[in-house]
Amino acid sequence: MLITISGSIGRAPQSLSQTTDGLPVLEAALAVPTVEGKDWFALQFADAALIRSVQQVRKGDALAVTGELWFEPIASEPDRFKPVVCVSDLQLCELPVAY
């Protein structure tokens, strides 16, 4: 399922693995504001241009991303899943200020 979400980066991107082409796969966490607080999404970046762009992103930066959503099982808790977005497009953005 293709989705677009926006939120704040919870941690700087970290190397996760490598693609078959030898490119790194980076992962970051995105906090998306909700009525109840926030939902967390794991973001994965595998495209060379996106990897160069996301390496400039720091904790707290606001991003809007578009990508394919899937749910990955959590190894330590087999009955729970985390939402993962394989990012195909990203934009730096500004989030509304909460008062």
PDB file of N, CA and C in Angstrom:
ATOM      1  N   MET A   1       0.845  -1.154   0.000  1.00  0.00           N
ATOM      2  CA  MET A   1       0.000   0.000   0.000  1.00  0.00           C
ATOM      3  C   MET A   1       0.906   1.238   0.000  1.00  0.00           C
ATOM      4  N   LEU A   2       0.659   2.167  -0.898  1.00  0.00           N
ATOM      5  CA  LEU A   2       1.426   3.405  -0.991  1.00  0.00           C
ATOM      6  C   LEU A   2       0.818   4.447  -0.058  1.00  0.00           C
ATOM      7  N   ILE A   3       1.658   5.062   0.795  1.00  0.00           N
ATOM      8  CA  ILE A   3       1.174   6.072   1.731  1.00  0.00           C
ATOM      9  C   ILE A   3       2.095   7.292   1.711  1.00  0.00           C
ATOM     10  N   THR A   4       1.557   8.409   2.183  1.00  0.00           N
ATOM     11  CA  THR A   4       2.335   9.622   2.418  1.00  0.00           C
ATOM     12  C   THR A   4       2.076  10.036   3.858  1.00  0.00           C
ATOM     13  N   ILE A   5       3.161  10.215   4.629  1.00  0.00           N
ATOM     14  CA  ILE A   5       3.046  10.620   6.029  1.00  0.00           C
ATOM     15  C   ILE A   5       4.064  11.713   6.316  1.00  0.00           C
ATOM     16  N   SER A   6       3.817  12.482   7.355  1.00  0.00           N
ATOM     17  CA  SER A   6       4.790  13.498   7.761  1.00  0.00           C
ATOM     18  C   SER A   6       4.908  13.480   9.273  1.00  0.00           C
ATOM     19  N   GLY A   7       6.108  13.831   9.725  1.00  0.00           N
ATOM     20  CA  GLY A   7       6.368  13.843  11.156  1.00  0.00           C
ATOM     21  C   GLY A   7       7.794  14.258  11.428  1.00  0.00           C
ATOM     22  N   SER A   8       8.272  13.955  12.627  1.00  0.00           N
ATOM     23  CA  SER A   8       9.621  14.323  13.052  1.00  0.00           C
ATOM     24  C   SER A   8      10.503  13.086  13.150  1.00  0.00           C
ATOM     25  N   ILE A   9      11.740  13.226  12.717  1.00  0.00           N
ATOM     26  CA  ILE A   9      12.699  12.128  12.806  1.00  0.00           C
ATOM     27  C   ILE A   9      13.031  11.901  14.280  1.00  0.00           C
ATOM     28  N   GLY A  10      12.915  10.664  14.725  1.00  0.00           N
ATOM     29  CA  GLY A  10      13.172  10.324  16.124  1.00  0.00           C
ATOM     30  C   GLY A  10      14.632   9.997  16.390  1.00  0.00           C
ATOM     31  N   ARG A  11      15.363   9.586  15.358  1.00  0.00           N
ATOM     32  CA  ARG A  11      16.794   9.326  15.476  1.00  0.00           C
ATOM     33  C   ARG A  11      17.412   9.454  14.091  1.00  0.00           C
ATOM     34  N   ALA A  12      18.680   9.783  14.072  1.00  0.00           N
ATOM     35  CA  ALA A  12      19.388   9.911  12.795  1.00  0.00           C
ATOM     36  C   ALA A  12      19.391   8.564  12.083  1.00  0.00           C
ATOM     37  N   PRO A  13      19.376   8.563  10.755  1.00  0.00           N
ATOM     38  CA  PRO A  13      19.391   7.301  10.011  1.00  0.00           C
ATOM     39  C   PRO A  13      20.618   6.454  10.340  1.00  0.00           C
ATOM     40  N   GLN A  14      20.384   5.133  10.433  1.00  0.00           N
ATOM     41  CA  GLN A  14      21.450   4.184  10.730  1.00  0.00           C
ATOM     42  C   GLN A  14      21.499   3.135   9.632  1.00  0.00           C
ATOM     43  N   SER A  15      22.688   2.597   9.380  1.00  0.00           N
ATOM     44  CA  SER A  15      22.848   1.555   8.381  1.00  0.00           C
ATOM     45  C   SER A  15      22.189   0.279   8.878  1.00  0.00           C
ATOM     46  N   LEU A  16      21.368  -0.331   8.007  1.00  0.00           N
ATOM     47  CA  LEU A  16      20.629  -1.526   8.374  1.00  0.00           C
ATOM     48  C   LEU A  16      21.235  -2.758   7.717  1.00  0.00           C
ATOM     49  N   SER A  17      21.497  -2.668   6.427  1.00  0.00           N
ATOM     50  CA  SER A  17      22.056  -3.787   5.662  1.00  0.00           C
ATOM     51  C   SER A  17      22.532  -3.235   4.327  1.00  0.00           C
ATOM     52  N   GLN A  18      22.678  -4.106   3.322  1.00  0.00           N
ATOM     53  CA  GLN A  18      23.066  -3.683   1.985  1.00  0.00           C
ATOM     54  C   GLN A  18      22.136  -4.305   0.963  1.00  0.00           C
ATOM     55  N   THR A  19      21.938  -3.580  -0.161  1.00  0.00           N
ATOM     56  CA  THR A  19      21.163  -4.124  -1.260  1.00  0.00           C
ATOM     57  C   THR A  19      22.042  -5.090  -2.042  1.00  0.00           C
ATOM     58  N   THR A  20      21.475  -5.770  -3.006  1.00  0.00           N
ATOM     59  CA  THR A  20      22.256  -6.686  -3.839  1.00  0.00           C
ATOM     60  C   THR A  20      23.294  -5.928  -4.667  1.00  0.00           C
ATOM     61  N   ASP A  21      23.087  -4.618  -4.871  1.00  0.00           N
ATOM     62  CA  ASP A  21      24.049  -3.781  -5.602  1.00  0.00           C
ATOM     63  C   ASP A  21      25.161  -3.272  -4.699  1.00  0.00           C
ATOM     64  N   GLY A  22      25.120  -3.612  -3.420  1.00  0.00           N
ATOM     65  CA  GLY A  22      26.141  -3.164  -2.484  1.00  0.00           C
ATOM     66  C   GLY A  22      25.852  -1.812  -1.859  1.00  0.00           C
ATOM     67  N   LEU A  23      24.691  -1.205  -2.174  1.00  0.00           N
ATOM     68  CA  LEU A  23      24.318   0.070  -1.562  1.00  0.00           C
ATOM     69  C   LEU A  23      23.793  -0.173  -0.158  1.00  0.00           C
ATOM     70  N   PRO A  24      24.068   0.749   0.767  1.00  0.00           N
ATOM     71  CA  PRO A  24      23.545   0.568   2.119  1.00  0.00           C
ATOM     72  C   PRO A  24      22.029   0.788   2.158  1.00  0.00           C
ATOM     73  N   VAL A  25      21.364   0.126   3.058  1.00  0.00           N
ATOM     74  CA  VAL A  25      19.963   0.389   3.354  1.00  0.00           C
ATOM     75  C   VAL A  25      19.965   1.109   4.696  1.00  0.00           C
ATOM     76  N   LEU A  26      19.450   2.330   4.701  1.00  0.00           N
ATOM     77  CA  LEU A  26      19.404   3.107   5.939  1.00  0.00           C
ATOM     78  C   LEU A  26      18.016   3.020   6.541  1.00  0.00           C
ATOM     79  N   GLU A  27      17.953   3.054   7.874  1.00  0.00           N
ATOM     80  CA  GLU A  27      16.667   3.053   8.564  1.00  0.00           C
ATOM     81  C   GLU A  27      16.638   4.207   9.551  1.00  0.00           C
ATOM     82  N   ALA A  28      15.492   4.860   9.638  1.00  0.00           N
ATOM     83  CA  ALA A  28      15.271   5.931  10.606  1.00  0.00           C
ATOM     84  C   ALA A  28      13.878   5.730  11.195  1.00  0.00           C
ATOM     85  N   ALA A  29      13.583   6.425  12.279  1.00  0.00           N
ATOM     86  CA  ALA A  29      12.258   6.361  12.904  1.00  0.00           C
ATOM     87  C   ALA A  29      11.566   7.702  12.709  1.00  0.00           C
ATOM     88  N   LEU A  30      10.287   7.642  12.367  1.00  0.00           N
ATOM     89  CA  LEU A  30       9.498   8.856  12.148  1.00  0.00           C
ATOM     90  C   LEU A  30       8.327   8.860  13.118  1.00  0.00           C
ATOM     91  N   ALA A  31       8.200   9.937  13.914  1.00  0.00           N
ATOM     92  CA  ALA A  31       7.076  10.112  14.839  1.00  0.00           C
ATOM     93  C   ALA A  31       6.008  10.938  14.135  1.00  0.00           C
ATOM     94  N   VAL A  32       4.838  10.353  13.945  1.00  0.00           N
ATOM     95  CA  VAL A  32       3.727  11.018  13.267  1.00  0.00           C
ATOM     96  C   VAL A  32       2.707  11.426  14.318  1.00  0.00           C
ATOM     97  N   PRO A  33       2.411  12.745  14.423  1.00  0.00           N
ATOM     98  CA  PRO A  33       1.466  13.200  15.454  1.00  0.00           C
ATOM     99  C   PRO A  33       0.054  12.653  15.211  1.00  0.00           C
ATOM    100  N   THR A  34      -0.595  12.241  16.303  1.00  0.00           N
ATOM    101  CA  THR A  34      -1.986  11.784  16.264  1.00  0.00           C
ATOM    102  C   THR A  34      -2.744  12.473  17.384  1.00  0.00           C
ATOM    103  N   VAL A  35      -4.031  12.247  17.438  1.00  0.00           N
ATOM    104  CA  VAL A  35      -4.854  12.829  18.500  1.00  0.00           C
ATOM    105  C   VAL A  35      -4.421  12.296  19.865  1.00  0.00           C
ATOM    106  N   GLU A  36      -4.025  11.013  19.916  1.00  0.00           N
ATOM    107  CA  GLU A  36      -3.630  10.386  21.179  1.00  0.00           C
ATOM    108  C   GLU A  36      -2.165  10.619  21.544  1.00  0.00           C
ATOM    109  N   GLY A  37      -1.382  11.206  20.681  1.00  0.00           N
ATOM    110  CA  GLY A  37       0.048  11.411  20.942  1.00  0.00           C
ATOM    111  C   GLY A  37       0.842  11.320  19.660  1.00  0.00           C
ATOM    112  N   LYS A  38       1.451  10.138  19.419  1.00  0.00           N
ATOM    113  CA  LYS A  38       2.184   9.939  18.172  1.00  0.00           C
ATOM    114  C   LYS A  38       2.287   8.460  17.852  1.00  0.00           C
ATOM    115  N   ASP A  39       2.377   8.163  16.574  1.00  0.00           N
ATOM    116  CA  ASP A  39       2.626   6.816  16.081  1.00  0.00           C
ATOM    117  C   ASP A  39       4.020   6.794  15.479  1.00  0.00           C
ATOM    118  N   TRP A  40       4.733   5.690  15.664  1.00  0.00           N
ATOM    119  CA  TRP A  40       6.098   5.558  15.148  1.00  0.00           C
ATOM    120  C   TRP A  40       6.122   4.655  13.931  1.00  0.00           C
ATOM    121  N   PHE A  41       6.860   5.081  12.905  1.00  0.00           N
ATOM    122  CA  PHE A  41       7.060   4.307  11.691  1.00  0.00           C
ATOM    123  C   PHE A  41       8.556   4.140  11.470  1.00  0.00           C
ATOM    124  N   ALA A  42       8.967   2.947  11.070  1.00  0.00           N
ATOM    125  CA  ALA A  42      10.350   2.730  10.641  1.00  0.00           C
ATOM    126  C   ALA A  42      10.419   3.122   9.171  1.00  0.00           C
ATOM    127  N   LEU A  43      11.390   3.944   8.807  1.00  0.00           N
ATOM    128  CA  LEU A  43      11.586   4.342   7.412  1.00  0.00           C
ATOM    129  C   LEU A  43      12.820   3.640   6.885  1.00  0.00           C
ATOM    130  N   GLN A  44      12.725   3.059   5.703  1.00  0.00           N
ATOM    131  CA  GLN A  44      13.883   2.432   5.074  1.00  0.00           C
ATOM    132  C   GLN A  44      14.176   3.140   3.761  1.00  0.00           C
ATOM    133  N   PHE A  45      15.459   3.434   3.561  1.00  0.00           N
ATOM    134  CA  PHE A  45      15.936   4.136   2.365  1.00  0.00           C
ATOM    135  C   PHE A  45      16.940   3.242   1.653  1.00  0.00           C
ATOM    136  N   ALA A  46      16.656   2.876   0.388  1.00  0.00           N
ATOM    137  CA  ALA A  46      17.564   2.004  -0.358  1.00  0.00           C
ATOM    138  C   ALA A  46      18.027   2.634  -1.665  1.00  0.00           C
ATOM    139  N   ASP A  47      17.375   3.687  -2.127  1.00  0.00           N
ATOM    140  CA  ASP A  47      17.746   4.357  -3.363  1.00  0.00           C
ATOM    141  C   ASP A  47      18.954   5.261  -3.117  1.00  0.00           C
ATOM    142  N   ALA A  48      19.942   5.241  -4.038  1.00  0.00           N
ATOM    143  CA  ALA A  48      21.193   5.994  -3.848  1.00  0.00           C
ATOM    144  C   ALA A  48      20.945   7.483  -3.632  1.00  0.00           C
ATOM    145  N   ALA A  49      20.052   8.093  -4.409  1.00  0.00           N
ATOM    146  CA  ALA A  49      19.774   9.529  -4.269  1.00  0.00           C
ATOM    147  C   ALA A  49      19.106   9.827  -2.930  1.00  0.00           C
ATOM    148  N   LEU A  50      18.181   8.968  -2.510  1.00  0.00           N
ATOM    149  CA  LEU A  50      17.524   9.174  -1.210  1.00  0.00           C
ATOM    150  C   LEU A  50      18.506   9.005  -0.065  1.00  0.00           C
ATOM    151  N   ILE A  51      19.426   8.052  -0.207  1.00  0.00           N
ATOM    152  CA  ILE A  51      20.422   7.833   0.847  1.00  0.00           C
ATOM    153  C   ILE A  51      21.294   9.067   1.017  1.00  0.00           C
ATOM    154  N   ARG A  52      21.713   9.676  -0.092  1.00  0.00           N
ATOM    155  CA  ARG A  52      22.520  10.909  -0.001  1.00  0.00           C
ATOM    156  C   ARG A  52      21.723  12.014   0.677  1.00  0.00           C
ATOM    157  N   SER A  53      20.443  12.125   0.346  1.00  0.00           N
ATOM    158  CA  SER A  53      19.603  13.168   0.940  1.00  0.00           C
ATOM    159  C   SER A  53      19.365  12.935   2.418  1.00  0.00           C
ATOM    160  N   VAL A  54      19.032  11.697   2.787  1.00  0.00           N
ATOM    161  CA  VAL A  54      18.663  11.417   4.172  1.00  0.00           C
ATOM    162  C   VAL A  54      19.868  11.440   5.106  1.00  0.00           C
ATOM    163  N   GLN A  55      21.079  11.322   4.587  1.00  0.00           N
ATOM    164  CA  GLN A  55      22.261  11.392   5.446  1.00  0.00           C
ATOM    165  C   GLN A  55      22.433  12.784   6.054  1.00  0.00           C
ATOM    166  N   GLN A  56      21.736  13.784   5.514  1.00  0.00           N
ATOM    167  CA  GLN A  56      21.794  15.142   6.056  1.00  0.00           C
ATOM    168  C   GLN A  56      20.725  15.374   7.131  1.00  0.00           C
ATOM    169  N   VAL A  57      19.832  14.421   7.309  1.00  0.00           N
ATOM    170  CA  VAL A  57      18.717  14.556   8.246  1.00  0.00           C
ATOM    171  C   VAL A  57      19.190  14.263   9.665  1.00  0.00           C
ATOM    172  N   ARG A  58      18.717  15.046  10.605  1.00  0.00           N
ATOM    173  CA  ARG A  58      19.079  14.881  12.016  1.00  0.00           C
ATOM    174  C   ARG A  58      17.823  14.687  12.862  1.00  0.00           C
ATOM    175  N   LYS A  59      18.010  14.176  14.062  1.00  0.00           N
ATOM    176  CA  LYS A  59      16.905  13.990  14.997  1.00  0.00           C
ATOM    177  C   LYS A  59      16.145  15.302  15.166  1.00  0.00           C
ATOM    178  N   GLY A  60      14.814  15.219  15.086  1.00  0.00           N
ATOM    179  CA  GLY A  60      13.970  16.396  15.247  1.00  0.00           C
ATOM    180  C   GLY A  60      13.579  17.058  13.943  1.00  0.00           C
ATOM    181  N   ASP A  61      14.275  16.763  12.841  1.00  0.00           N
ATOM    182  CA  ASP A  61      13.922  17.345  11.542  1.00  0.00           C
ATOM    183  C   ASP A  61      12.548  16.844  11.108  1.00  0.00           C
ATOM    184  N   ALA A  62      11.797  17.705  10.440  1.00  0.00           N
ATOM    185  CA  ALA A  62      10.467  17.341   9.948  1.00  0.00           C
ATOM    186  C   ALA A  62      10.580  16.860   8.505  1.00  0.00           C
ATOM    187  N   LEU A  63       9.948  15.718   8.228  1.00  0.00           N
ATOM    188  CA  LEU A  63       9.971  15.124   6.897  1.00  0.00           C
ATOM    189  C   LEU A  63       8.568  14.729   6.482  1.00  0.00           C
ATOM    190  N   ALA A  64       8.329  14.796   5.181  1.00  0.00           N
ATOM    191  CA  ALA A  64       7.153  14.173   4.568  1.00  0.00           C
ATOM    192  C   ALA A  64       7.699  13.103   3.646  1.00  0.00           C
ATOM    193  N   VAL A  65       7.205  11.885   3.769  1.00  0.00           N
ATOM    194  CA  VAL A  65       7.701  10.779   2.957  1.00  0.00           C
ATOM    195  C   VAL A  65       6.546  10.061   2.269  1.00  0.00           C
ATOM    196  N   THR A  66       6.849   9.519   1.108  1.00  0.00           N
ATOM    197  CA  THR A  66       5.917   8.669   0.370  1.00  0.00           C
ATOM    198  C   THR A  66       6.617   7.346   0.139  1.00  0.00           C
ATOM    199  N   GLY A  67       5.894   6.255   0.309  1.00  0.00           N
ATOM    200  CA  GLY A  67       6.499   4.951   0.080  1.00  0.00           C
ATOM    201  C   GLY A  67       5.539   3.812   0.314  1.00  0.00           C
ATOM    202  N   GLU A  68       6.074   2.623   0.157  1.00  0.00           N
ATOM    203  CA  GLU A  68       5.294   1.391   0.317  1.00  0.00           C
ATOM    204  C   GLU A  68       5.268   0.997   1.794  1.00  0.00           C
ATOM    205  N   LEU A  69       4.072   0.767   2.319  1.00  0.00           N
ATOM    206  CA  LEU A  69       3.890   0.390   3.729  1.00  0.00           C
ATOM    207  C   LEU A  69       3.741  -1.119   3.852  1.00  0.00           C
ATOM    208  N   TRP A  70       4.439  -1.693   4.822  1.00  0.00           N
ATOM    209  CA  TRP A  70       4.211  -3.087   5.201  1.00  0.00           C
ATOM    210  C   TRP A  70       4.432  -3.206   6.694  1.00  0.00           C
ATOM    211  N   PHE A  71       4.080  -4.353   7.266  1.00  0.00           N
ATOM    212  CA  PHE A  71       4.216  -4.584   8.693  1.00  0.00           C
ATOM    213  C   PHE A  71       5.190  -5.729   8.914  1.00  0.00           C
ATOM    214  N   GLU A  72       6.218  -5.453   9.706  1.00  0.00           N
ATOM    215  CA  GLU A  72       7.296  -6.409   9.958  1.00  0.00           C
ATOM    216  C   GLU A  72       7.153  -6.956  11.377  1.00  0.00           C
ATOM    217  N   PRO A  73       7.251  -8.282  11.551  1.00  0.00           N
ATOM    218  CA  PRO A  73       7.149  -8.831  12.909  1.00  0.00           C
ATOM    219  C   PRO A  73       8.320  -8.368  13.779  1.00  0.00           C
ATOM    220  N   ILE A  74       8.032  -8.150  15.048  1.00  0.00           N
ATOM    221  CA  ILE A  74       9.065  -7.774  16.013  1.00  0.00           C
ATOM    222  C   ILE A  74       9.665  -9.078  16.547  1.00  0.00           C
ATOM    223  N   ALA A  75      10.973  -9.245  16.388  1.00  0.00           N
ATOM    224  CA  ALA A  75      11.640 -10.511  16.711  1.00  0.00           C
ATOM    225  C   ALA A  75      11.403 -10.961  18.155  1.00  0.00           C
ATOM    226  N   SER A  76      11.485 -10.022  19.092  1.00  0.00           N
ATOM    227  CA  SER A  76      11.354 -10.393  20.500  1.00  0.00           C
ATOM    228  C   SER A  76       9.898 -10.615  20.926  1.00  0.00           C
ATOM    229  N   GLU A  77       8.960 -10.155  20.098  1.00  0.00           N
ATOM    230  CA  GLU A  77       7.526 -10.294  20.416  1.00  0.00           C
ATOM    231  C   GLU A  77       6.790 -10.741  19.154  1.00  0.00           C
ATOM    232  N   PRO A  78       6.725 -12.045  18.875  1.00  0.00           N
ATOM    233  CA  PRO A  78       6.198 -12.545  17.607  1.00  0.00           C
ATOM    234  C   PRO A  78       4.747 -12.180  17.301  1.00  0.00           C
ATOM    235  N   ASP A  79       3.971 -11.800  18.303  1.00  0.00           N
ATOM    236  CA  ASP A  79       2.580 -11.423  18.067  1.00  0.00           C
ATOM    237  C   ASP A  79       2.411  -9.936  17.758  1.00  0.00           C
ATOM    238  N   ARG A  80       3.529  -9.190  17.749  1.00  0.00           N
ATOM    239  CA  ARG A  80       3.465  -7.743  17.481  1.00  0.00           C
ATOM    240  C   ARG A  80       4.211  -7.417  16.192  1.00  0.00           C
ATOM    241  N   PHE A  81       3.779  -6.338  15.547  1.00  0.00           N
ATOM    242  CA  PHE A  81       4.356  -5.926  14.279  1.00  0.00           C
ATOM    243  C   PHE A  81       4.656  -4.437  14.314  1.00  0.00           C
ATOM    244  N   LYS A  82       5.681  -4.017  13.545  1.00  0.00           N
ATOM    245  CA  LYS A  82       5.970  -2.587  13.448  1.00  0.00           C
ATOM    246  C   LYS A  82       5.706  -2.142  12.010  1.00  0.00           C
ATOM    247  N   PRO A  83       5.146  -0.927  11.845  1.00  0.00           N
ATOM    248  CA  PRO A  83       4.912  -0.418  10.503  1.00  0.00           C
ATOM    249  C   PRO A  83       6.234   0.068   9.893  1.00  0.00           C
ATOM    250  N   VAL A  84       6.488  -0.338   8.656  1.00  0.00           N
ATOM    251  CA  VAL A  84       7.712   0.019   7.945  1.00  0.00           C
ATOM    252  C   VAL A  84       7.321   0.650   6.611  1.00  0.00           C
ATOM    253  N   VAL A  85       7.977   1.755   6.269  1.00  0.00           N
ATOM    254  CA  VAL A  85       7.742   2.408   4.983  1.00  0.00           C
ATOM    255  C   VAL A  85       9.042   2.380   4.192  1.00  0.00           C
ATOM    256  N   CYS A  86       9.019   1.759   3.014  1.00  0.00           N
ATOM    257  CA  CYS A  86      10.158   1.790   2.096  1.00  0.00           C
ATOM    258  C   CYS A  86       9.997   3.071   1.284  1.00  0.00           C
ATOM    259  N   VAL A  87      10.794   4.074   1.597  1.00  0.00           N
ATOM    260  CA  VAL A  87      10.609   5.426   1.082  1.00  0.00           C
ATOM    261  C   VAL A  87      11.020   5.524  -0.381  1.00  0.00           C
ATOM    262  N   SER A  88      10.113   6.125  -1.187  1.00  0.00           N
ATOM    263  CA  SER A  88      10.404   6.379  -2.595  1.00  0.00           C
ATOM    264  C   SER A  88      10.551   7.872  -2.875  1.00  0.00           C
ATOM    265  N   ASP A  89      10.062   8.722  -1.953  1.00  0.00           N
ATOM    266  CA  ASP A  89      10.185  10.175  -2.121  1.00  0.00           C
ATOM    267  C   ASP A  89      10.178  10.819  -0.743  1.00  0.00           C
ATOM    268  N   LEU A  90      10.969  11.876  -0.575  1.00  0.00           N
ATOM    269  CA  LEU A  90      10.967  12.595   0.699  1.00  0.00           C
ATOM    270  C   LEU A  90      11.106  14.082   0.464  1.00  0.00           C
ATOM    271  N   GLN A  91      10.573  14.844   1.396  1.00  0.00           N
ATOM    272  CA  GLN A  91      10.690  16.294   1.389  1.00  0.00           C
ATOM    273  C   GLN A  91      10.884  16.769   2.815  1.00  0.00           C
ATOM    274  N   LEU A  92      11.810  17.716   2.987  1.00  0.00           N
ATOM    275  CA  LEU A  92      11.904  18.397   4.274  1.00  0.00           C
ATOM    276  C   LEU A  92      10.696  19.303   4.383  1.00  0.00           C
ATOM    277  N   CYS A  93      10.115  19.406   5.551  1.00  0.00           N
ATOM    278  CA  CYS A  93       8.926  20.249   5.708  1.00  0.00           C
ATOM    279  C   CYS A  93       8.947  20.865   7.090  1.00  0.00           C
ATOM    280  N   GLU A  94       7.956  21.695   7.331  1.00  0.00           N
ATOM    281  CA  GLU A  94       7.786  22.298   8.649  1.00  0.00           C
ATOM    282  C   GLU A  94       6.501  21.764   9.239  1.00  0.00           C
ATOM    283  N   LEU A  95       6.578  21.319  10.480  1.00  0.00           N
ATOM    284  CA  LEU A  95       5.381  20.844  11.175  1.00  0.00           C
ATOM    285  C   LEU A  95       4.730  22.015  11.886  1.00  0.00           C
ATOM    286  N   PRO A  96       3.407  21.967  12.036  1.00  0.00           N
ATOM    287  CA  PRO A  96       2.754  23.038  12.789  1.00  0.00           C
ATOM    288  C   PRO A  96       3.240  23.084  14.223  1.00  0.00           C
ATOM    289  N   VAL A  97       3.315  24.268  14.767  1.00  0.00           N
ATOM    290  CA  VAL A  97       3.756  24.441  16.155  1.00  0.00           C
ATOM    291  C   VAL A  97       2.593  24.130  17.080  1.00  0.00           C
ATOM    292  N   ALA A  98       2.828  23.272  18.081  1.00  0.00           N
ATOM    293  CA  ALA A  98       1.783  22.923  19.059  1.00  0.00           C
ATOM    294  C   ALA A  98       1.816  23.938  20.202  1.00  0.00           C
ATOM    295  N   TYR A  99       0.666  24.474  20.550  1.00  0.00           N
ATOM    296  CA  TYR A  99       0.573  25.439  21.651  1.00  0.00           C
ATOM    297  C   TYR A  99      -0.116  24.838  22.820  1.00  0.00           C
TER     298      TYR A  99
END
